[in-house]
Amino acid sequence: LRMRELWPDYSDVQFRELSRDVQTSLLRPEVALRVGLFVLAERIEARDGNLTLALADYNAGLVAVNRAGGVPQNGETP
């Protein structure tokens, strides 16, 4: 999955506009949702379909999950 695949319905001009100002673009719900789904899909693939670890990566961060050797007990990832 590539970022461009998230916006197949956007013209090249619209996609370049999104790419140019990422911080402002992420304030738009349709952009934030697509990027969030892209990241989650990437984490699920990287964790070979393990949804628990993929969601922990998404929520706590890859480094925290790797450091904890699983789901970190940090109050945010029960």
Protein backbone atom coordinates (compact mmCIF):
# COMPACT_ATOMS: atom_id res chain seq x y z
CA LEU A 1 0.00 0.00 0.00
CA ARG A 2 1.37 3.39 -0.97
CA MET A 3 0.27 6.83 0.13
CA ARG A 4 -0.87 7.65 -3.41
CA GLU A 5 -3.24 4.66 -3.27
CA LEU A 6 -5.11 6.38 -0.43
CA TRP A 7 -6.31 9.08 -2.82
CA PRO A 8 -7.10 7.34 -6.11
CA ASP A 9 -10.00 9.75 -6.56
CA TYR A 10 -7.76 12.84 -6.28
CA SER A 11 -6.11 14.46 -9.28
CA ASP A 12 -2.34 14.81 -9.30
CA VAL A 13 -2.73 18.50 -8.47
CA GLN A 14 -4.93 17.74 -5.44
CA PHE A 15 -2.54 15.03 -4.24
CA ARG A 16 0.47 17.35 -4.55
CA GLU A 17 -1.44 19.95 -2.52
CA LEU A 18 -2.05 17.40 0.25
CA SER A 19 1.59 16.31 0.19
CA ARG A 20 2.96 19.85 0.27
CA ASP A 21 1.28 20.95 3.50
CA VAL A 22 1.01 17.76 5.54
CA GLN A 23 0.38 19.40 8.93
CA THR A 24 -2.56 21.45 7.66
CA SER A 25 -3.84 18.52 5.60
CA LEU A 26 -3.93 16.27 8.68
CA LEU A 27 -6.45 18.66 10.26
CA ARG A 28 -8.91 17.62 7.56
CA PRO A 29 -10.88 14.57 8.79
CA GLU A 30 -10.83 12.77 5.43
CA VAL A 31 -7.05 13.09 5.29
CA ALA A 32 -6.45 12.14 8.93
CA LEU A 33 -8.66 9.07 8.57
CA ARG A 34 -6.96 7.85 5.41
CA VAL A 35 -3.48 8.37 6.83
CA GLY A 36 -4.45 6.67 10.11
CA LEU A 37 -5.81 3.68 8.20
CA PHE A 38 -2.66 3.56 6.09
CA VAL A 39 -0.46 3.48 9.20
CA LEU A 40 -2.64 0.86 10.89
CA ALA A 41 -2.64 -1.35 7.77
CA GLU A 42 1.15 -1.06 7.61
CA ARG A 43 1.46 -2.07 11.28
CA ILE A 44 -0.90 -5.05 10.80
CA GLU A 45 1.19 -6.22 7.86
CA ALA A 46 4.45 -5.71 9.78
CA ARG A 47 3.07 -7.71 12.74
CA ASP A 48 1.94 -10.57 10.46
CA GLY A 49 -1.73 -9.96 11.23
CA ASN A 50 -1.35 -9.74 15.01
CA LEU A 51 -3.99 -7.09 15.73
CA THR A 52 -3.04 -6.74 19.39
CA LEU A 53 0.55 -5.78 18.60
CA ALA A 54 -0.46 -3.71 15.58
CA LEU A 55 -2.87 -1.64 17.68
CA ALA A 56 -0.28 -1.31 20.44
CA ASP A 57 2.24 -0.06 17.84
CA TYR A 58 -0.33 2.41 16.54
CA ASN A 59 -1.24 3.66 20.01
CA ALA A 60 1.96 3.48 22.07
CA GLY A 61 4.51 3.50 19.27
CA LEU A 62 6.71 0.86 17.74
CA VAL A 63 9.67 1.63 20.00
CA ALA A 64 7.58 1.30 23.19
CA VAL A 65 6.13 -2.03 22.05
CA ASN A 66 9.53 -3.41 21.07
CA ARG A 67 11.10 -2.19 24.31
CA ALA A 68 8.32 -3.82 26.37
CA GLY A 69 8.50 -7.03 24.36
CA GLY A 70 4.75 -6.80 23.78
CA VAL A 71 1.94 -4.48 24.82
CA PRO A 72 3.44 -1.89 27.18
CA GLN A 73 1.68 -1.35 30.49
CA ASN A 74 1.80 2.42 30.36
CA GLY A 75 -1.79 3.28 31.22
CA GLU A 76 -2.71 4.00 27.60
CA THR A 77 -2.52 0.48 26.20
CA PRO A 78 -4.47 -1.82 28.54
